[in-house]
Amino acid sequence: LTPRVEHIGFEGIIHGGVLATVLDEAMVWAATWHGR
């Protein structure tokens, strides 16, 4: 992911919720793949 300006929380810093969302997506896919 290359975060853009619309993904900020504080000026210049990416919102933690965006990072949490992407982590959740990657982890749910790891779990899904594991159990099919």
PDB file of all heavy atoms in Angstrom:
ATOM      1  N   LEU A   1       0.854  -1.184   0.000  1.00  0.00           N
ATOM      2  CA  LEU A   1       0.000   0.000   0.000  1.00  0.00           C
ATOM      3  C   LEU A   1       0.886   1.229   0.000  1.00  0.00           C
ATOM      4  O   LEU A   1       1.824   1.319   0.798  1.00  0.00           O
ATOM      5  CB  LEU A   1      -0.891   0.013   1.257  1.00  0.00           C
ATOM      6  CG  LEU A   1      -1.617   1.315   1.586  1.00  0.00           C
ATOM      7  CD1 LEU A   1      -2.694   1.616   0.546  1.00  0.00           C
ATOM      8  CD2 LEU A   1      -2.232   1.250   2.972  1.00  0.00           C
ATOM      9  N   THR A   2       0.583   2.153  -0.898  1.00  0.00           N
ATOM     10  CA  THR A   2       1.213   3.466  -0.842  1.00  0.00           C
ATOM     11  C   THR A   2       0.124   4.445  -0.434  1.00  0.00           C
ATOM     12  O   THR A   2      -0.716   4.833  -1.245  1.00  0.00           O
ATOM     13  CB  THR A   2       1.816   3.859  -2.209  1.00  0.00           C
ATOM     14  OG1 THR A   2       2.759   2.844  -2.599  1.00  0.00           O
ATOM     15  CG2 THR A   2       2.519   5.205  -2.125  1.00  0.00           C
ATOM     16  N   PRO A   3       0.081   4.787   0.877  1.00  0.00           N
ATOM     17  CA  PRO A   3      -0.999   5.651   1.363  1.00  0.00           C
ATOM     18  C   PRO A   3      -0.914   7.053   0.761  1.00  0.00           C
ATOM     19  O   PRO A   3       0.166   7.574   0.513  1.00  0.00           O
ATOM     20  CB  PRO A   3      -0.800   5.687   2.875  1.00  0.00           C
ATOM     21  CG  PRO A   3       0.482   5.000   3.160  1.00  0.00           C
ATOM     22  CD  PRO A   3       1.006   4.393   1.915  1.00  0.00           C
ATOM     23  N   ARG A   4      -2.101   7.604   0.537  1.00  0.00           N
ATOM     24  CA  ARG A   4      -2.209   8.933  -0.058  1.00  0.00           C
ATOM     25  C   ARG A   4      -2.658   9.939   1.002  1.00  0.00           C
ATOM     26  O   ARG A   4      -3.019   9.576   2.123  1.00  0.00           O
ATOM     27  CB  ARG A   4      -3.202   8.876  -1.219  1.00  0.00           C
ATOM     28  CG  ARG A   4      -2.778   7.891  -2.314  1.00  0.00           C
ATOM     29  CD  ARG A   4      -3.772   7.830  -3.466  1.00  0.00           C
ATOM     30  NE  ARG A   4      -5.138   7.563  -3.074  1.00  0.00           N
ATOM     31  CZ  ARG A   4      -5.708   6.369  -3.016  1.00  0.00           C
ATOM     32  NH1 ARG A   4      -4.997   5.289  -3.294  1.00  0.00           N
ATOM     33  NH2 ARG A   4      -6.969   6.233  -2.671  1.00  0.00           N
ATOM     34  N   VAL A   5      -2.683  11.189   0.624  1.00  0.00           N
ATOM     35  CA  VAL A   5      -3.023  12.260   1.555  1.00  0.00           C
ATOM     36  C   VAL A   5      -4.420  12.077   2.155  1.00  0.00           C
ATOM     37  O   VAL A   5      -4.649  12.447   3.303  1.00  0.00           O
ATOM     38  CB  VAL A   5      -2.847  13.656   0.890  1.00  0.00           C
ATOM     39  CG1 VAL A   5      -3.905  13.910  -0.170  1.00  0.00           C
ATOM     40  CG2 VAL A   5      -2.827  14.748   1.935  1.00  0.00           C
ATOM     41  N   GLU A   6      -5.338  11.477   1.435  1.00  0.00           N
ATOM     42  CA  GLU A   6      -6.683  11.271   1.971  1.00  0.00           C
ATOM     43  C   GLU A   6      -6.724  10.186   3.057  1.00  0.00           C
ATOM     44  O   GLU A   6      -7.765   9.951   3.655  1.00  0.00           O
ATOM     45  CB  GLU A   6      -7.700  10.960   0.869  1.00  0.00           C
ATOM     46  CG  GLU A   6      -7.420   9.730   0.057  1.00  0.00           C
ATOM     47  CD  GLU A   6      -6.656  10.004  -1.232  1.00  0.00           C
ATOM     48  OE1 GLU A   6      -5.911  11.004  -1.319  1.00  0.00           O
ATOM     49  OE2 GLU A   6      -6.795   9.198  -2.161  1.00  0.00           O
ATOM     50  N   HIS A   7      -5.597   9.551   3.341  1.00  0.00           N
ATOM     51  CA  HIS A   7      -5.520   8.520   4.375  1.00  0.00           C
ATOM     52  C   HIS A   7      -4.917   9.032   5.686  1.00  0.00           C
ATOM     53  O   HIS A   7      -4.655   8.247   6.584  1.00  0.00           O
ATOM     54  CB  HIS A   7      -4.703   7.323   3.866  1.00  0.00           C
ATOM     55  CG  HIS A   7      -5.286   6.702   2.652  1.00  0.00           C
ATOM     56  ND1 HIS A   7      -4.538   6.387   1.544  1.00  0.00           N
ATOM     57  CD2 HIS A   7      -6.568   6.358   2.348  1.00  0.00           C
ATOM     58  CE1 HIS A   7      -5.322   5.859   0.617  1.00  0.00           C
ATOM     59  NE2 HIS A   7      -6.560   5.834   1.084  1.00  0.00           N
ATOM     60  N   ILE A   8      -4.728  10.335   5.807  1.00  0.00           N
ATOM     61  CA  ILE A   8      -4.082  10.862   7.018  1.00  0.00           C
ATOM     62  C   ILE A   8      -5.051  10.953   8.191  1.00  0.00           C
ATOM     63  O   ILE A   8      -6.261  11.026   8.025  1.00  0.00           O
ATOM     64  CB  ILE A   8      -3.441  12.248   6.789  1.00  0.00           C
ATOM     65  CG1 ILE A   8      -4.491  13.322   6.504  1.00  0.00           C
ATOM     66  CG2 ILE A   8      -2.375  12.184   5.715  1.00  0.00           C
ATOM     67  CD1 ILE A   8      -3.953  14.738   6.530  1.00  0.00           C
ATOM     68  N   GLY A   9      -4.472  10.936   9.375  1.00  0.00           N
ATOM     69  CA  GLY A   9      -5.159  11.278  10.616  1.00  0.00           C
ATOM     70  C   GLY A   9      -4.682  12.683  10.960  1.00  0.00           C
ATOM     71  O   GLY A   9      -5.325  13.673  10.657  1.00  0.00           O
ATOM     72  N   PHE A  10      -3.483  12.755  11.516  1.00  0.00           N
ATOM     73  CA  PHE A  10      -2.820  14.040  11.710  1.00  0.00           C
ATOM     74  C   PHE A  10      -2.069  14.380  10.433  1.00  0.00           C
ATOM     75  O   PHE A  10      -1.743  13.496   9.642  1.00  0.00           O
ATOM     76  CB  PHE A  10      -1.837  13.979  12.888  1.00  0.00           C
ATOM     77  CG  PHE A  10      -2.523  13.812  14.215  1.00  0.00           C
ATOM     78  CD1 PHE A  10      -2.400  12.644  14.932  1.00  0.00           C
ATOM     79  CD2 PHE A  10      -3.308  14.832  14.737  1.00  0.00           C
ATOM     80  CE1 PHE A  10      -3.031  12.482  16.147  1.00  0.00           C
ATOM     81  CE2 PHE A  10      -3.948  14.682  15.951  1.00  0.00           C
ATOM     82  CZ  PHE A  10      -3.809  13.506  16.655  1.00  0.00           C
ATOM     83  N   GLU A  11      -1.796  15.632  10.240  1.00  0.00           N
ATOM     84  CA  GLU A  11      -1.128  16.080   9.012  1.00  0.00           C
ATOM     85  C   GLU A  11       0.151  15.280   8.749  1.00  0.00           C
ATOM     86  O   GLU A  11       1.054  15.238   9.578  1.00  0.00           O
ATOM     87  CB  GLU A  11      -0.798  17.569   9.109  1.00  0.00           C
ATOM     88  CG  GLU A  11      -0.453  18.208   7.785  1.00  0.00           C
ATOM     89  CD  GLU A  11      -1.583  18.112   6.759  1.00  0.00           C
ATOM     90  OE1 GLU A  11      -2.761  18.270   7.153  1.00  0.00           O
ATOM     91  OE2 GLU A  11      -1.280  17.875   5.580  1.00  0.00           O
ATOM     92  N   GLY A  12       0.165  14.619   7.599  1.00  0.00           N
ATOM     93  CA  GLY A  12       1.346  13.873   7.187  1.00  0.00           C
ATOM     94  C   GLY A  12       1.472  12.482   7.778  1.00  0.00           C
ATOM     95  O   GLY A  12       2.384  11.739   7.407  1.00  0.00           O
ATOM     96  N   ILE A  13       0.610  12.090   8.698  1.00  0.00           N
ATOM     97  CA  ILE A  13       0.683  10.778   9.333  1.00  0.00           C
ATOM     98  C   ILE A  13      -0.562   9.973   8.963  1.00  0.00           C
ATOM     99  O   ILE A  13      -1.687  10.439   9.139  1.00  0.00           O
ATOM    100  CB  ILE A  13       0.793  10.906  10.870  1.00  0.00           C
ATOM    101  CG1 ILE A  13       2.076  11.655  11.239  1.00  0.00           C
ATOM    102  CG2 ILE A  13       0.746   9.529  11.523  1.00  0.00           C
ATOM    103  CD1 ILE A  13       2.192  11.941  12.723  1.00  0.00           C
ATOM    104  N   ILE A  14      -0.347   8.771   8.481  1.00  0.00           N
ATOM    105  CA  ILE A  14      -1.462   7.928   8.059  1.00  0.00           C
ATOM    106  C   ILE A  14      -2.288   7.523   9.273  1.00  0.00           C
ATOM    107  O   ILE A  14      -1.761   7.165  10.323  1.00  0.00           O
ATOM    108  CB  ILE A  14      -0.931   6.677   7.322  1.00  0.00           C
ATOM    109  CG1 ILE A  14      -0.090   7.103   6.107  1.00  0.00           C
ATOM    110  CG2 ILE A  14      -2.070   5.754   6.895  1.00  0.00           C
ATOM    111  CD1 ILE A  14      -0.737   8.128   5.198  1.00  0.00           C
ATOM    112  N   HIS A  15      -3.596   7.586   9.114  1.00  0.00           N
ATOM    113  CA  HIS A  15      -4.534   7.251  10.189  1.00  0.00           C
ATOM    114  C   HIS A  15      -4.339   5.790  10.612  1.00  0.00           C
ATOM    115  O   HIS A  15      -4.238   4.897   9.771  1.00  0.00           O
ATOM    116  CB  HIS A  15      -5.964   7.468   9.701  1.00  0.00           C
ATOM    117  CG  HIS A  15      -6.964   7.495  10.796  1.00  0.00           C
ATOM    118  ND1 HIS A  15      -7.335   6.366  11.491  1.00  0.00           N
ATOM    119  CD2 HIS A  15      -7.674   8.521  11.323  1.00  0.00           C
ATOM    120  CE1 HIS A  15      -8.224   6.691  12.404  1.00  0.00           C
ATOM    121  NE2 HIS A  15      -8.450   8.002  12.318  1.00  0.00           N
ATOM    122  N   GLY A  16      -4.288   5.560  11.909  1.00  0.00           N
ATOM    123  CA  GLY A  16      -4.129   4.205  12.429  1.00  0.00           C
ATOM    124  C   GLY A  16      -5.241   3.271  12.000  1.00  0.00           C
ATOM    125  O   GLY A  16      -5.035   2.062  11.857  1.00  0.00           O
ATOM    126  N   GLY A  17      -6.434   3.813  11.784  1.00  0.00           N
ATOM    127  CA  GLY A  17      -7.549   2.986  11.334  1.00  0.00           C
ATOM    128  C   GLY A  17      -7.332   2.414   9.943  1.00  0.00           C
ATOM    129  O   GLY A  17      -7.792   1.303   9.645  1.00  0.00           O
ATOM    130  N   VAL A  18      -6.637   3.148   9.094  1.00  0.00           N
ATOM    131  CA  VAL A  18      -6.312   2.640   7.760  1.00  0.00           C
ATOM    132  C   VAL A  18      -5.354   1.458   7.891  1.00  0.00           C
ATOM    133  O   VAL A  18      -5.540   0.410   7.261  1.00  0.00           O
ATOM    134  CB  VAL A  18      -5.707   3.746   6.862  1.00  0.00           C
ATOM    135  CG1 VAL A  18      -5.190   3.180   5.554  1.00  0.00           C
ATOM    136  CG2 VAL A  18      -6.727   4.842   6.606  1.00  0.00           C
ATOM    137  N   LEU A  19      -4.349   1.618   8.744  1.00  0.00           N
ATOM    138  CA  LEU A  19      -3.397   0.526   8.957  1.00  0.00           C
ATOM    139  C   LEU A  19      -4.098  -0.688   9.569  1.00  0.00           C
ATOM    140  O   LEU A  19      -3.843  -1.833   9.174  1.00  0.00           O
ATOM    141  CB  LEU A  19      -2.247   0.985   9.846  1.00  0.00           C
ATOM    142  CG  LEU A  19      -1.401   2.137   9.297  1.00  0.00           C
ATOM    143  CD1 LEU A  19      -0.317   2.513  10.293  1.00  0.00           C
ATOM    144  CD2 LEU A  19      -0.820   1.803   7.944  1.00  0.00           C
ATOM    145  N   ALA A  20      -5.000  -0.452  10.520  1.00  0.00           N
ATOM    146  CA  ALA A  20      -5.752  -1.545  11.141  1.00  0.00           C
ATOM    147  C   ALA A  20      -6.604  -2.272  10.110  1.00  0.00           C
ATOM    148  O   ALA A  20      -6.690  -3.515  10.126  1.00  0.00           O
ATOM    149  CB  ALA A  20      -6.625  -1.003  12.273  1.00  0.00           C
ATOM    150  N   THR A  21      -7.221  -1.529   9.220  1.00  0.00           N
ATOM    151  CA  THR A  21      -8.071  -2.126   8.192  1.00  0.00           C
ATOM    152  C   THR A  21      -7.267  -3.034   7.275  1.00  0.00           C
ATOM    153  O   THR A  21      -7.676  -4.155   6.963  1.00  0.00           O
ATOM    154  CB  THR A  21      -8.777  -1.022   7.383  1.00  0.00           C
ATOM    155  OG1 THR A  21      -9.595  -0.260   8.272  1.00  0.00           O
ATOM    156  CG2 THR A  21      -9.615  -1.580   6.258  1.00  0.00           C
ATOM    157  N   VAL A  22      -6.104  -2.569   6.860  1.00  0.00           N
ATOM    158  CA  VAL A  22      -5.282  -3.367   5.952  1.00  0.00           C
ATOM    159  C   VAL A  22      -4.701  -4.587   6.679  1.00  0.00           C
ATOM    160  O   VAL A  22      -4.630  -5.682   6.107  1.00  0.00           O
ATOM    161  CB  VAL A  22      -4.184  -2.494   5.307  1.00  0.00           C
ATOM    162  CG1 VAL A  22      -3.272  -3.313   4.433  1.00  0.00           C
ATOM    163  CG2 VAL A  22      -4.825  -1.378   4.492  1.00  0.00           C
ATOM    164  N   LEU A  23      -4.319  -4.425   7.936  1.00  0.00           N
ATOM    165  CA  LEU A  23      -3.851  -5.573   8.714  1.00  0.00           C
ATOM    166  C   LEU A  23      -4.964  -6.609   8.864  1.00  0.00           C
ATOM    167  O   LEU A  23      -4.730  -7.813   8.719  1.00  0.00           O
ATOM    168  CB  LEU A  23      -3.361  -5.130  10.093  1.00  0.00           C
ATOM    169  CG  LEU A  23      -1.942  -4.592  10.136  1.00  0.00           C
ATOM    170  CD1 LEU A  23      -1.700  -3.830  11.432  1.00  0.00           C
ATOM    171  CD2 LEU A  23      -0.940  -5.726   9.973  1.00  0.00           C
ATOM    172  N   ASP A  24      -6.174  -6.154   9.155  1.00  0.00           N
ATOM    173  CA  ASP A  24      -7.307  -7.073   9.284  1.00  0.00           C
ATOM    174  C   ASP A  24      -7.510  -7.839   7.982  1.00  0.00           C
ATOM    175  O   ASP A  24      -7.712  -9.058   7.991  1.00  0.00           O
ATOM    176  CB  ASP A  24      -8.573  -6.304   9.666  1.00  0.00           C
ATOM    177  CG  ASP A  24      -9.808  -7.197   9.692  1.00  0.00           C
ATOM    178  OD1 ASP A  24      -9.766  -8.269  10.336  1.00  0.00           O
ATOM    179  OD2 ASP A  24     -10.816  -6.814   9.070  1.00  0.00           O
ATOM    180  N   GLU A  25      -7.450  -7.164   6.865  1.00  0.00           N
ATOM    181  CA  GLU A  25      -7.651  -7.822   5.566  1.00  0.00           C
ATOM    182  C   GLU A  25      -6.600  -8.898   5.331  1.00  0.00           C
ATOM    183  O   GLU A  25      -6.920 -10.023   4.933  1.00  0.00           O
ATOM    184  CB  GLU A  25      -7.606  -6.787   4.437  1.00  0.00           C
ATOM    185  CG  GLU A  25      -7.904  -7.352   3.076  1.00  0.00           C
ATOM    186  CD  GLU A  25      -9.393  -7.565   2.819  1.00  0.00           C
ATOM    187  OE1 GLU A  25     -10.228  -7.233   3.678  1.00  0.00           O
ATOM    188  OE2 GLU A  25      -9.718  -8.087   1.736  1.00  0.00           O
ATOM    189  N   ALA A  26      -5.340  -8.574   5.588  1.00  0.00           N
ATOM    190  CA  ALA A  26      -4.274  -9.557   5.382  1.00  0.00           C
ATOM    191  C   ALA A  26      -4.428 -10.742   6.342  1.00  0.00           C
ATOM    192  O   ALA A  26      -4.271 -11.902   5.942  1.00  0.00           O
ATOM    193  CB  ALA A  26      -2.914  -8.889   5.560  1.00  0.00           C
ATOM    194  N   MET A  27      -4.764 -10.456   7.598  1.00  0.00           N
ATOM    195  CA  MET A  27      -4.896 -11.542   8.579  1.00  0.00           C
ATOM    196  C   MET A  27      -6.118 -12.412   8.303  1.00  0.00           C
ATOM    197  O   MET A  27      -6.063 -13.634   8.460  1.00  0.00           O
ATOM    198  CB  MET A  27      -4.909 -10.986   9.999  1.00  0.00           C
ATOM    199  CG  MET A  27      -3.556 -10.412  10.415  1.00  0.00           C
ATOM    200  SD  MET A  27      -3.391 -10.012  12.182  1.00  0.00           S
ATOM    201  CE  MET A  27      -4.691  -8.825  12.427  1.00  0.00           C
ATOM    202  N   VAL A  28      -7.238 -11.797   7.879  1.00  0.00           N
ATOM    203  CA  VAL A  28      -8.418 -12.613   7.573  1.00  0.00           C
ATOM    204  C   VAL A  28      -8.138 -13.518   6.378  1.00  0.00           C
ATOM    205  O   VAL A  28      -8.586 -14.661   6.336  1.00  0.00           O
ATOM    206  CB  VAL A  28      -9.702 -11.776   7.381  1.00  0.00           C
ATOM    207  CG1 VAL A  28      -9.755 -11.098   6.035  1.00  0.00           C
ATOM    208  CG2 VAL A  28     -10.937 -12.639   7.579  1.00  0.00           C
ATOM    209  N   TRP A  29      -7.377 -13.033   5.412  1.00  0.00           N
ATOM    210  CA  TRP A  29      -7.038 -13.888   4.273  1.00  0.00           C
ATOM    211  C   TRP A  29      -6.092 -15.012   4.687  1.00  0.00           C
ATOM    212  O   TRP A  29      -6.206 -16.136   4.185  1.00  0.00           O
ATOM    213  CB  TRP A  29      -6.451 -13.068   3.130  1.00  0.00           C
ATOM    214  CG  TRP A  29      -7.513 -12.543   2.220  1.00  0.00           C
ATOM    215  CD1 TRP A  29      -7.907 -11.243   2.068  1.00  0.00           C
ATOM    216  CD2 TRP A  29      -8.341 -13.312   1.342  1.00  0.00           C
ATOM    217  NE1 TRP A  29      -8.930 -11.167   1.147  1.00  0.00           N
ATOM    218  CE2 TRP A  29      -9.210 -12.425   0.685  1.00  0.00           C
ATOM    219  CE3 TRP A  29      -8.437 -14.671   1.057  1.00  0.00           C
ATOM    220  CZ2 TRP A  29     -10.151 -12.853  -0.248  1.00  0.00           C
ATOM    221  CZ3 TRP A  29      -9.379 -15.101   0.122  1.00  0.00           C
ATOM    222  CH2 TRP A  29     -10.219 -14.190  -0.514  1.00  0.00           C
ATOM    223  N   ALA A  30      -5.156 -14.739   5.593  1.00  0.00           N
ATOM    224  CA  ALA A  30      -4.279 -15.809   6.081  1.00  0.00           C
ATOM    225  C   ALA A  30      -5.112 -16.886   6.770  1.00  0.00           C
ATOM    226  O   ALA A  30      -4.916 -18.089   6.538  1.00  0.00           O
ATOM    227  CB  ALA A  30      -3.221 -15.239   7.026  1.00  0.00           C
ATOM    228  N   ALA A  31      -6.060 -16.473   7.619  1.00  0.00           N
ATOM    229  CA  ALA A  31      -6.928 -17.422   8.313  1.00  0.00           C
ATOM    230  C   ALA A  31      -7.809 -18.177   7.322  1.00  0.00           C
ATOM    231  O   ALA A  31      -7.976 -19.401   7.420  1.00  0.00           O
ATOM    232  CB  ALA A  31      -7.791 -16.688   9.337  1.00  0.00           C
ATOM    233  N   THR A  32      -8.375 -17.467   6.365  1.00  0.00           N
ATOM    234  CA  THR A  32      -9.243 -18.070   5.357  1.00  0.00           C
ATOM    235  C   THR A  32      -8.479 -19.097   4.531  1.00  0.00           C
ATOM    236  O   THR A  32      -8.963 -20.205   4.286  1.00  0.00           O
ATOM    237  CB  THR A  32      -9.857 -16.976   4.462  1.00  0.00           C
ATOM    238  OG1 THR A  32     -10.715 -16.163   5.271  1.00  0.00           O
ATOM    239  CG2 THR A  32     -10.638 -17.553   3.295  1.00  0.00           C
ATOM    240  N   TRP A  33      -7.290 -18.743   4.089  1.00  0.00           N
ATOM    241  CA  TRP A  33      -6.491 -19.659   3.279  1.00  0.00           C
ATOM    242  C   TRP A  33      -6.140 -20.907   4.081  1.00  0.00           C
ATOM    243  O   TRP A  33      -6.218 -22.020   3.574  1.00  0.00           O
ATOM    244  CB  TRP A  33      -5.221 -18.967   2.779  1.00  0.00           C
ATOM    245  CG  TRP A  33      -4.487 -19.815   1.797  1.00  0.00           C
ATOM    246  CD1 TRP A  33      -3.391 -20.597   2.042  1.00  0.00           C
ATOM    247  CD2 TRP A  33      -4.812 -20.008   0.425  1.00  0.00           C
ATOM    248  NE1 TRP A  33      -3.014 -21.255   0.910  1.00  0.00           N
ATOM    249  CE2 TRP A  33      -3.872 -20.911  -0.101  1.00  0.00           C
ATOM    250  CE3 TRP A  33      -5.811 -19.503  -0.404  1.00  0.00           C
ATOM    251  CZ2 TRP A  33      -3.898 -21.312  -1.433  1.00  0.00           C
ATOM    252  CZ3 TRP A  33      -5.832 -19.901  -1.729  1.00  0.00           C
ATOM    253  CH2 TRP A  33      -4.877 -20.802  -2.234  1.00  0.00           C
ATOM    254  N   HIS A  34      -5.777 -20.713   5.332  1.00  0.00           N
ATOM    255  CA  HIS A  34      -5.386 -21.835   6.185  1.00  0.00           C
ATOM    256  C   HIS A  34      -6.505 -22.873   6.297  1.00  0.00           C
ATOM    257  O   HIS A  34      -6.260 -24.067   6.148  1.00  0.00           O
ATOM    258  CB  HIS A  34      -4.997 -21.347   7.582  1.00  0.00           C
ATOM    259  CG  HIS A  34      -4.631 -22.458   8.505  1.00  0.00           C
ATOM    260  ND1 HIS A  34      -3.370 -23.015   8.520  1.00  0.00           N
ATOM    261  CD2 HIS A  34      -5.362 -23.136   9.419  1.00  0.00           C
ATOM    262  CE1 HIS A  34      -3.349 -23.989   9.407  1.00  0.00           C
ATOM    263  NE2 HIS A  34      -4.544 -24.079   9.973  1.00  0.00           N
ATOM    264  N   GLY A  35      -7.707 -22.407   6.562  1.00  0.00           N
ATOM    265  CA  GLY A  35      -8.826 -23.325   6.759  1.00  0.00           C
ATOM    266  C   GLY A  35      -9.645 -23.588   5.525  1.00  0.00           C
ATOM    267  O   GLY A  35     -10.609 -24.362   5.571  1.00  0.00           O
ATOM    268  N   ARG A  36      -9.292 -22.912   4.418  1.00  0.00           N
ATOM    269  CA  ARG A  36     -10.072 -23.008   3.174  1.00  0.00           C
ATOM    270  C   ARG A  36     -11.541 -22.700   3.421  1.00  0.00           C
ATOM    271  O   ARG A  36     -12.443 -23.255   2.807  1.00  0.00           O
ATOM    272  CB  ARG A  36      -9.932 -24.369   2.508  1.00  0.00           C
ATOM    273  CG  ARG A  36      -8.534 -24.797   2.151  1.00  0.00           C
ATOM    274  CD  ARG A  36      -7.883 -23.856   1.129  1.00  0.00           C
ATOM    275  NE  ARG A  36      -6.701 -24.439   0.535  1.00  0.00           N
ATOM    276  CZ  ARG A  36      -5.460 -24.216   0.950  1.00  0.00           C
ATOM    277  NH1 ARG A  36      -5.251 -23.422   1.993  1.00  0.00           N
ATOM    278  NH2 ARG A  36      -4.442 -24.760   0.339  1.00  0.00           N
TER     279      ARG A  36
END
